[in-house]
Protein backbone atom coordinates (compact mmCIF):
# COMPACT_ATOMS: atom_id res chain seq x y z
CA UNK A 1 25.08 20.02 -18.32
CA UNK A 2 22.33 19.73 -20.92
CA UNK A 3 20.24 16.54 -20.73
CA UNK A 4 21.95 15.87 -24.57
CA UNK A 5 25.22 16.27 -23.65
CA UNK A 6 24.60 13.51 -20.23
CA UNK A 7 24.76 9.93 -21.09
CA UNK A 8 21.75 7.46 -20.98
CA UNK A 9 20.91 5.32 -18.13
CA UNK A 10 19.84 1.80 -18.53
CA UNK A 11 17.66 0.37 -15.61
CA UNK A 12 16.97 -3.00 -15.45
CA UNK A 13 13.23 -4.17 -13.86
CA UNK A 14 10.60 -1.81 -14.45
CA UNK A 15 8.88 -2.93 -10.92
CA UNK A 16 8.64 -0.52 -7.73
CA UNK A 17 12.58 -0.04 -7.50
CA UNK A 18 13.18 0.90 -11.49
CA UNK A 19 9.62 2.67 -12.23
CA UNK A 20 11.07 4.70 -9.13
CA UNK A 21 14.22 5.39 -10.46
CA UNK A 22 13.60 6.14 -13.83
CA UNK A 23 11.17 8.83 -12.31
CA UNK A 24 13.72 10.38 -10.44
CA UNK A 25 16.45 10.46 -13.26
CA UNK A 26 13.58 11.75 -15.86
CA UNK A 27 13.07 14.81 -13.61
CA UNK A 28 16.59 15.90 -13.43
CA UNK A 29 16.70 15.49 -17.18
CA UNK A 30 18.99 12.48 -17.45
CA UNK A 31 17.19 9.99 -20.11
CA UNK A 32 16.28 6.65 -19.44
CA UNK A 33 16.30 3.19 -21.03
CA UNK A 34 13.65 0.99 -19.17
CA UNK A 35 14.14 -2.44 -19.69
CA UNK A 36 11.23 -5.05 -18.64
CA UNK A 37 11.09 -8.57 -19.36
CA UNK A 38 6.64 -8.76 -18.77
CA UNK A 39 4.54 -9.76 -20.29
CA UNK A 40 6.68 -11.45 -22.75
CA UNK A 41 8.47 -13.66 -20.29
CA UNK A 42 5.95 -13.45 -16.58
CA UNK A 43 6.98 -14.79 -13.27
CA UNK A 44 5.19 -17.10 -11.13
CA UNK A 45 3.68 -14.27 -9.15
CA UNK A 46 3.02 -11.29 -11.69
CA UNK A 47 -0.50 -11.51 -13.55
CA UNK A 48 0.09 -8.50 -16.25
CA UNK A 49 3.16 -6.46 -18.22
CA UNK A 50 2.36 -2.96 -16.14
CA UNK A 51 4.71 -0.97 -13.97
CA UNK A 52 5.41 -1.72 -10.40
CA UNK A 53 2.79 -4.07 -10.04
CA UNK A 54 1.72 -5.34 -6.63
CA UNK A 55 2.10 -9.16 -5.98
CA UNK A 56 2.31 -9.96 -2.12
CA UNK A 57 -0.41 -7.57 -0.87
CA UNK A 58 -1.39 -4.36 -1.29
CA UNK A 59 -0.12 -2.48 1.48
CA UNK A 60 2.65 -0.19 1.91
CA UNK A 61 1.55 -1.11 5.64
CA UNK A 62 1.15 1.96 8.68
CA UNK A 63 1.17 5.38 7.57
CA UNK A 64 2.43 7.45 10.94
CA UNK A 65 5.93 8.53 12.31
CA UNK A 66 5.26 6.43 15.14
CA UNK A 67 6.16 3.38 12.92
CA UNK A 68 9.05 3.12 10.96
CA UNK A 69 7.78 2.49 7.36
CA UNK A 70 5.49 5.38 7.65
CA UNK A 71 8.48 8.02 8.48
CA UNK A 72 9.70 6.39 5.28
CA UNK A 73 6.17 6.89 3.52
CA UNK A 74 7.38 10.49 4.60
CA UNK A 75 10.75 11.04 3.47
CA UNK A 76 9.72 9.76 0.19
CA UNK A 77 6.93 12.24 -0.53
CA UNK A 78 9.67 15.24 0.44
CA UNK A 79 11.67 12.97 -2.04
CA UNK A 80 8.80 13.53 -4.92
CA UNK A 81 8.09 9.91 -4.80
CA UNK A 82 5.89 8.83 -7.71
CA UNK A 83 5.35 5.34 -5.86
CA UNK A 84 4.23 7.31 -2.79
CA UNK A 85 2.03 9.95 -5.23
CA UNK A 86 0.60 6.62 -7.08
CA UNK A 87 0.27 5.00 -3.67
CA UNK A 88 -1.57 8.11 -2.33
CA UNK A 89 -4.07 8.48 -5.39
CA UNK A 90 -4.99 4.94 -5.31
CA UNK A 91 -5.85 4.86 -1.22
CA UNK A 92 -8.29 2.74 -0.19
CA UNK A 93 -9.14 2.45 3.33
CA UNK A 94 -7.10 0.46 6.02
CA UNK A 95 -7.68 2.41 8.91
CA UNK A 96 -3.79 3.67 9.87
CA UNK A 97 -2.25 1.83 7.01
CA UNK A 98 -1.90 2.84 3.45
CA UNK A 99 -3.35 0.19 1.27
CA UNK A 100 -3.90 1.08 -2.29
CA UNK A 101 -5.75 -0.87 -5.16
CA UNK A 102 -3.86 -2.91 -6.48
CA UNK A 103 -4.62 -1.88 -10.32
CA UNK A 104 -4.95 1.34 -10.15
CA UNK A 105 -1.80 2.19 -8.86
CA UNK A 106 0.08 0.17 -11.17
CA UNK A 107 -1.88 1.82 -13.99
CA UNK A 108 -1.12 5.39 -12.43
CA UNK A 109 3.12 4.42 -12.35
CA UNK A 110 2.74 3.05 -15.81
CA UNK A 111 1.25 5.95 -16.70
CA UNK A 112 3.52 8.82 -15.67
CA UNK A 113 5.96 6.79 -16.79
CA UNK A 114 4.86 6.13 -20.38
CA UNK A 115 3.62 9.90 -20.21
CA UNK A 116 7.54 10.90 -19.79
CA UNK A 117 9.66 11.80 -23.14
CA UNK A 118 12.92 10.95 -21.40
CA UNK A 119 12.29 7.38 -20.65
CA UNK A 120 12.10 5.05 -23.38
CA UNK A 121 10.85 1.61 -22.54
CA UNK A 122 12.22 -1.46 -24.28
CA UNK A 123 10.18 -4.53 -23.97
CA UNK A 124 11.76 -8.38 -23.30
CA UNK A 125 14.35 -10.45 -21.25
CA UNK A 126 17.41 -8.60 -20.76
CA UNK A 127 19.76 -11.45 -21.21
CA UNK A 128 23.18 -9.71 -21.04
CA UNK A 129 24.53 -6.60 -18.31
CA UNK A 130 25.72 -3.58 -20.50
CA UNK A 131 29.57 -3.75 -20.93
CA UNK A 132 29.40 0.46 -21.26
CA UNK A 133 27.60 3.06 -19.99
CA UNK A 134 25.35 3.42 -15.98
CA UNK A 135 23.66 0.79 -15.57
CA UNK A 136 20.98 0.16 -12.80
CA UNK A 137 20.30 -3.20 -11.74
CA UNK A 138 16.64 -3.77 -10.43
CA UNK A 139 15.36 -6.83 -11.72
CA UNK A 140 13.46 -7.57 -7.84
CA UNK A 141 13.45 -11.06 -5.72
CA UNK A 142 12.11 -12.59 -9.04
CA UNK A 143 15.01 -12.24 -11.55
CA UNK A 144 15.06 -14.40 -14.46
CA UNK A 145 17.08 -17.42 -14.03
CA UNK A 146 19.33 -16.23 -17.47
CA UNK A 147 19.98 -13.05 -15.87
CA UNK A 148 20.71 -13.61 -12.27
CA UNK A 149 23.30 -15.98 -13.84
CA UNK A 150 25.05 -13.22 -15.63
CA UNK A 151 24.51 -10.85 -11.56
CA UNK A 152 26.34 -14.16 -10.87
CA UNK A 153 29.67 -14.08 -13.43
CA UNK A 154 29.84 -10.16 -11.97
CA UNK A 155 29.56 -10.32 -8.42
CA UNK A 156 31.48 -13.66 -7.73
CA UNK A 157 29.35 -14.62 -5.13
CA UNK A 158 27.35 -17.09 -5.25
CA UNK A 159 23.57 -16.82 -4.58
CA UNK A 160 21.50 -16.36 -1.64
CA UNK A 161 17.20 -16.92 -1.63
CA UNK A 162 14.69 -17.69 0.35
CA UNK A 163 10.82 -18.58 -0.45
CA UNK A 164 8.33 -15.73 -0.50
CA UNK A 165 4.14 -16.73 0.47
CA UNK A 166 1.64 -14.51 -0.89
CA UNK A 167 -2.05 -13.94 0.73
CA UNK A 168 -5.40 -15.28 -0.61
CA UNK A 169 -8.26 -12.73 -2.36
CA UNK A 170 -11.26 -13.09 -1.39
CA UNK A 171 -14.87 -12.36 -3.45
CA UNK A 172 -16.40 -9.50 -0.76
CA UNK A 173 -19.66 -11.26 -1.88
CA UNK A 174 -19.40 -14.65 -1.03
CA UNK A 175 -18.33 -13.96 2.28
CA UNK A 176 -21.05 -14.83 5.41
CA UNK A 177 -22.06 -11.32 7.12
CA UNK A 178 -23.86 -12.71 9.57
CA UNK A 179 -20.89 -14.19 11.28
CA UNK A 180 -18.33 -11.57 9.65
CA UNK A 181 -18.40 -8.09 10.81
CA UNK A 182 -16.58 -4.98 9.60
CA UNK A 183 -14.35 -3.52 12.76
CA UNK A 184 -10.72 -1.55 13.25
CA UNK A 185 -8.98 -2.81 16.10
CA UNK A 186 -9.34 -0.68 18.89
CA UNK A 187 -11.87 0.96 16.53
CA UNK A 188 -8.75 3.01 15.46
CA UNK A 189 -9.09 5.26 12.95
CA UNK A 190 -13.03 5.02 12.94
CA UNK A 191 -15.65 8.04 13.27
CA UNK A 192 -18.39 7.51 15.59
CA UNK A 193 -20.82 5.67 13.66
CA UNK A 194 -19.02 4.41 10.83
CA UNK A 195 -17.95 0.90 10.21
CA UNK A 196 -14.08 0.08 10.33
CA UNK A 197 -11.56 -0.92 7.45
CA UNK A 198 -10.99 -4.51 8.07
CA UNK A 199 -13.45 -7.47 7.52
CA UNK A 200 -13.31 -9.67 10.89
CA UNK A 201 -14.07 -13.35 11.00
CA UNK A 202 -14.20 -14.82 14.25
CA UNK A 203 -13.34 -18.07 16.42
CA UNK A 204 -14.22 -19.63 19.28
CA UNK A 205 -12.00 -21.81 21.31
CA UNK A 206 -12.32 -24.96 19.35
CA UNK A 207 -12.89 -23.53 16.11
CA UNK A 208 -9.82 -22.22 16.44
CA UNK A 209 -7.86 -25.20 17.74
CA UNK A 210 -9.60 -27.35 14.94
CA UNK A 211 -8.23 -25.08 12.35
CA UNK A 212 -5.00 -24.56 13.36
CA UNK A 213 -4.88 -28.92 13.55
CA UNK A 214 -5.96 -28.53 9.75
CA UNK A 215 -3.22 -26.23 8.97
CA UNK A 216 -0.39 -28.42 10.16
CA UNK A 217 -1.94 -31.65 8.35
CA UNK A 218 -2.76 -30.05 5.09
CA UNK A 219 -0.93 -31.30 1.95
CA UNK A 220 2.18 -28.18 1.48
CA UNK A 221 3.98 -27.37 -2.11
CA UNK A 222 7.24 -29.46 -2.21
CA UNK A 223 10.11 -27.53 -2.11
CA UNK A 224 12.12 -30.16 -4.37
CA UNK A 225 15.98 -29.00 -4.15
CA UNK A 226 15.20 -25.84 -1.66
CA UNK A 227 13.94 -27.70 1.35
CA UNK A 228 16.78 -25.72 3.52
CA UNK A 229 16.20 -22.32 2.48
CA UNK A 230 14.21 -19.75 5.26
CA UNK A 231 11.17 -18.16 4.83
CA UNK A 232 11.32 -14.09 5.86
CA UNK A 233 9.85 -13.81 9.24
CA UNK A 234 7.69 -10.38 8.09
CA UNK A 235 5.93 -12.85 5.08
CA UNK A 236 5.87 -16.33 6.98
CA UNK A 237 3.10 -18.74 6.04
CA UNK A 238 0.46 -19.65 8.13
CA UNK A 239 0.52 -22.81 8.64
CA UNK A 240 4.34 -22.41 9.22
CA UNK A 241 3.23 -20.24 12.21
CA UNK A 242 1.22 -22.99 13.29
CA UNK A 243 3.62 -25.33 13.11
CA UNK A 244 5.96 -23.61 15.44
CA UNK A 245 3.08 -23.69 17.85
CA UNK A 246 -0.60 -23.97 18.56
CA UNK A 247 -0.79 -20.00 19.48
CA UNK A 248 1.75 -19.06 17.61
CA UNK A 249 -0.88 -17.18 15.12
CA UNK A 250 -3.49 -15.96 17.77
CA UNK A 251 -0.75 -13.86 19.00
CA UNK A 252 0.37 -12.90 15.43
CA UNK A 253 -2.40 -12.00 12.34
CA UNK A 254 -5.16 -13.90 14.15
CA UNK A 255 -4.46 -11.65 17.11
CA UNK A 256 -8.36 -11.19 19.09
CA UNK A 257 -8.19 -8.57 21.25
CA UNK A 258 -9.22 -4.90 20.39
CA UNK A 259 -11.76 -6.53 18.03
CA UNK A 260 -14.86 -7.02 20.28
CA UNK A 261 -18.00 -7.73 18.88
CA UNK A 262 -19.40 -4.08 17.88
CA UNK A 263 -22.74 -4.45 18.33
CA UNK A 264 -22.78 -6.96 21.49
CA UNK A 265 -19.69 -6.56 22.75
CA UNK A 266 -18.35 -10.50 22.34
CA UNK A 267 -15.14 -11.27 22.82
CA UNK A 268 -13.28 -13.89 20.61
CA UNK A 269 -10.09 -16.66 20.72
CA UNK A 270 -8.90 -15.53 17.66
CA UNK A 271 -9.80 -13.59 14.76
CA UNK A 272 -8.94 -13.72 10.74
CA UNK A 273 -9.11 -10.27 9.33
CA UNK A 274 -9.60 -9.54 6.15
CA UNK A 275 -8.84 -5.75 4.27
CA UNK A 276 -9.71 -4.28 0.62
CA UNK A 277 -7.87 -5.24 -1.96
CA UNK A 278 -9.50 -2.70 -5.10
CA UNK A 279 -11.16 0.15 -4.17
CA UNK A 280 -15.00 -0.93 -4.49
CA UNK A 281 -14.12 -3.29 -2.24
CA UNK A 282 -15.21 -6.14 -4.37
CA UNK A 283 -12.05 -7.88 -3.32
CA UNK A 284 -10.57 -8.76 0.08
CA UNK A 285 -7.19 -10.03 1.18
CA UNK A 286 -6.65 -11.99 4.22
CA UNK A 287 -4.48 -10.42 5.93
CA UNK A 288 -1.46 -12.00 7.23
CA UNK A 289 -2.49 -15.72 5.55
CA UNK A 290 0.39 -16.30 3.05
CA UNK A 291 0.43 -19.96 2.36
CA UNK A 292 2.37 -23.14 1.31
CA UNK A 293 -0.56 -25.37 1.21
CA UNK A 294 -1.69 -26.33 -2.19
CA UNK A 295 -4.61 -24.87 -3.43
CA UNK A 296 -7.06 -27.74 -3.28
CA UNK A 297 -5.59 -27.74 1.27
CA UNK A 298 -6.30 -24.10 0.79
CA UNK A 299 -10.29 -24.05 -0.46
CA UNK A 300 -10.91 -26.79 1.55
CA UNK A 301 -9.01 -25.39 4.84
CA UNK A 302 -9.83 -21.59 4.36
CA UNK A 303 -13.54 -22.72 3.89
CA UNK A 304 -13.81 -24.02 7.67
CA UNK A 305 -12.81 -20.63 8.76
CA UNK A 306 -16.37 -19.06 10.09
CA UNK A 307 -18.13 -16.60 7.49
CA UNK A 308 -15.75 -17.92 4.27
CA UNK A 309 -17.79 -21.17 4.75
CA UNK A 310 -18.76 -20.82 0.86
CA UNK A 311 -16.17 -18.27 0.17
CA UNK A 312 -15.14 -17.88 -3.69
CA UNK A 313 -11.52 -17.33 -4.09
CA UNK A 314 -9.95 -14.14 -6.65
CA UNK A 315 -6.53 -15.58 -6.48
CA UNK A 316 -5.42 -18.63 -3.92
CA UNK A 317 -1.95 -18.37 -2.84
CA UNK A 318 1.41 -19.67 -3.81
CA UNK A 319 5.01 -19.27 -3.41
CA UNK A 320 8.27 -17.97 -5.08
CA UNK A 321 11.23 -17.58 -5.30
CA UNK A 322 12.96 -14.48 -4.03
CA UNK A 323 16.69 -13.94 -4.55
CA UNK A 324 19.44 -11.32 -3.13
CA UNK A 325 22.94 -10.51 -3.26
CA UNK A 326 25.34 -10.38 -0.72
CA UNK A 327 25.19 -6.54 -0.45
CA UNK A 328 27.65 -5.60 2.28
CA UNK A 329 30.39 -7.08 0.50
CA UNK A 330 29.80 -6.23 -3.00
CA UNK A 331 28.14 -2.05 -3.02
CA UNK A 332 29.44 0.48 -0.84
CA UNK A 333 26.81 3.33 0.37
CA UNK A 334 25.47 4.64 -2.55
CA UNK A 335 24.59 1.63 -3.86
CA UNK A 336 27.36 1.10 -6.81
CA UNK A 337 28.85 -2.51 -7.21
CA UNK A 338 32.56 -2.09 -5.89
CA UNK A 339 34.02 -3.71 -8.23
CA UNK A 340 32.55 -1.66 -11.08
CA UNK A 341 31.17 1.60 -10.54
CA UNK A 342 29.12 2.07 -13.00
CA UNK A 343 27.00 -0.51 -12.15
CA UNK A 344 23.95 0.17 -9.40
CA UNK A 345 21.71 -2.03 -7.50
CA UNK A 346 18.55 -1.20 -5.89
CA UNK A 347 15.38 -2.86 -4.75
CA UNK A 348 14.68 -6.32 -3.05
CA UNK A 349 17.50 -7.74 -4.48
CA UNK A 350 19.93 -5.82 -2.47
CA UNK A 351 18.72 -7.41 0.80
CA UNK A 352 15.44 -4.98 1.69
CA UNK A 353 12.24 -6.72 2.47
CA UNK A 354 8.90 -4.42 1.60
CA UNK A 355 7.43 -2.43 -1.53
CA UNK A 356 8.53 0.91 0.40
CA UNK A 357 11.60 0.04 1.30
CA UNK A 358 12.12 -1.60 -2.46
CA UNK A 359 10.86 1.80 -3.70
CA UNK A 360 12.87 3.56 -1.76
CA UNK A 361 16.06 2.29 -2.74
CA UNK A 362 15.09 2.89 -6.84
CA UNK A 363 14.46 6.36 -5.26
CA UNK A 364 18.47 6.74 -3.77
CA UNK A 365 19.65 4.84 -6.63
CA UNK A 366 17.89 7.37 -9.02
CA UNK A 367 19.33 10.79 -7.65
CA UNK A 368 22.98 9.03 -7.25
CA UNK A 369 22.97 8.15 -10.90
CA UNK A 370 21.77 11.71 -11.58
CA UNK A 371 24.68 13.22 -9.79
CA UNK A 372 27.26 10.60 -11.70
CA UNK A 373 25.37 11.35 -14.98
CA UNK A 374 26.37 14.80 -14.02
CA UNK A 375 29.68 14.49 -12.96
CA UNK A 376 28.76 14.59 -8.82
CA UNK A 377 30.24 12.45 -6.83
CA UNK A 378 26.96 11.05 -4.70
CA UNK A 379 26.29 11.71 -1.74
CA UNK A 380 24.10 9.80 0.70
CA UNK A 381 21.60 10.50 3.78
CA UNK A 382 22.64 10.95 6.87
CA UNK A 383 21.89 7.02 8.68
CA UNK A 384 19.60 8.76 11.25
CA UNK A 385 17.12 8.94 8.76
CA UNK A 386 14.96 6.16 7.04
CA UNK A 387 17.12 5.82 3.81
CA UNK A 388 20.26 6.72 5.59
CA UNK A 389 19.66 3.95 7.99
CA UNK A 390 18.49 1.35 4.81
CA UNK A 391 21.22 2.38 2.57
CA UNK A 392 23.47 1.20 6.03
CA UNK A 393 21.95 -2.20 6.54
CA UNK A 394 22.54 -2.64 2.76
CA UNK A 395 26.27 -1.23 2.89
CA UNK A 396 27.61 -1.53 6.12
CA UNK A 397 25.95 -4.95 7.90
CA UNK A 398 28.71 -7.55 8.22
CA UNK A 399 28.20 -10.42 5.87
CA UNK A 400 27.68 -12.82 7.56
CA UNK A 401 24.68 -11.45 9.90
CA UNK A 402 22.95 -10.36 6.16
CA UNK A 403 19.09 -10.92 5.81
CA UNK A 404 16.33 -9.20 4.04
CA UNK A 405 15.06 -6.61 6.27
CA UNK A 406 12.28 -3.96 6.42
CA UNK A 407 13.28 -0.62 7.95
CA UNK A 408 12.45 -0.50 11.74
CA UNK A 409 13.24 1.75 14.12
CA UNK A 410 16.00 -0.47 15.72
CA UNK A 411 18.16 0.87 12.30
CA UNK A 412 17.68 4.06 13.73
CA UNK A 413 19.41 6.16 16.51
CA UNK A 414 17.74 5.65 19.34
CA UNK A 415 15.28 8.58 20.90
CA UNK A 416 15.16 10.01 24.91
CA UNK A 417 13.96 7.81 27.02
CA UNK A 418 13.23 10.83 29.49
CA UNK A 419 13.38 14.39 30.50
CA UNK A 420 13.99 14.61 33.76
CA UNK A 421 12.07 12.56 35.98
CA UNK A 422 9.53 12.32 33.52
CA UNK A 423 9.81 8.75 30.97
CA UNK A 424 8.61 9.28 27.34
CA UNK A 425 5.99 6.11 25.86
CA UNK A 426 7.61 4.31 23.09
CA UNK A 427 4.83 6.27 21.14
CA UNK A 428 6.49 9.67 22.13
CA UNK A 429 10.05 8.00 21.55
CA UNK A 430 9.27 6.90 18.30
CA UNK A 431 7.55 10.19 16.87
CA UNK A 432 10.81 11.85 18.24
CA UNK A 433 13.07 9.86 16.59
CA UNK A 434 10.77 10.42 13.34
CA UNK A 435 10.86 14.26 13.78
CA UNK A 436 14.63 14.20 14.02
CA UNK A 437 15.13 12.17 10.80
CA UNK A 438 12.69 14.32 8.82
CA UNK A 439 14.97 17.36 10.19
CA UNK A 440 17.76 15.96 9.02
CA UNK A 441 16.76 14.81 5.57
CA UNK A 442 15.67 18.48 4.91
CA UNK A 443 18.75 19.69 5.79
CA UNK A 444 20.53 16.86 3.36
CA UNK A 445 17.82 17.99 0.59
CA UNK A 446 19.06 21.75 0.56
CA UNK A 447 22.52 20.98 0.33
CA UNK A 448 22.72 18.23 -2.34
């Protein structure tokens, strides 16, 4: 079937999922009409009108096969992912993690899509879901109120939502380097004589306990009518952690193990880590420090951290509402709306959590839509691949148990624990699961 005889696919939202889906469709000769409400209508978290703008942090997390998200990275690369291609090009040092210069990254994605002749950009808010033709709703967790009302009408389900939180970004020149030091945990991914990729602000026991007390006592943003909406555990505000127990942050983002001082060998009670937020390293992101404190309290409390006494904040933390649909009740295994299969959903609105997971579901939706546009029945990858596991989570989880989730090895078939008398380590088991997943993906690709 020629591209002129195939239908044009409408995509609502040019975030990570919508951008990836548009790319996949265009690469298969399918015309795309890509709608994005920004910059005409901005969200509380976005700053630009670029495609695939990153708002919470600048990291795609671990980039190795002993981690499930690293497996997802590799699967996406094998599936010709635009998001991974641009992520690799915009990569900045972050140890074994894939972190990107967020401005360069979104500019690369935007440029690639705008240079694709089969993609038509349409600016402005979508207030009605098209009544005909193939449609992908990838409007994300910050879907406008008007569009979300249309989605509720379409699905017949009440909305579910939870708050997400953004970590502050600090001017690197304002940090006291007499206190802070560069080091990766256990010196991972660092050549001898080189500094690490993370800037560490150390604390002794008294400094830590004082800091935790200030976190708990600080003024927080009022929830108004949303007091009972839970946070997603993978993006828990730092003060919410502190309220769960004094030592909770010290076993989370403030964990000091493997971060002895590189010159003195001194060990610390807790450590605050910062990671490059751009290629130049002029901006640093406070790792794991999502927050719901007011702006004034953030400045007051965070400047009590050793090394950040005179910190200047390029961006303070903030809250925004995340929304998602009851996907297991609404979607089939290829992201189609059961009540109207010409409409697909992708991205965080489906109940996956994380940049890469959102993009991966956009990738799948793009491939599925290309098949549908060409008159073929879409086929999902097996559930022992990372993509297949996420699709199974979206479509097969019990509705009453459904919550947003990152990719993790618990969604994949377990690896063999021993061979005869030899017991495999956790890293060996995970690597074996990843190897099997990639082999299965390659087989699926050959069939598709």
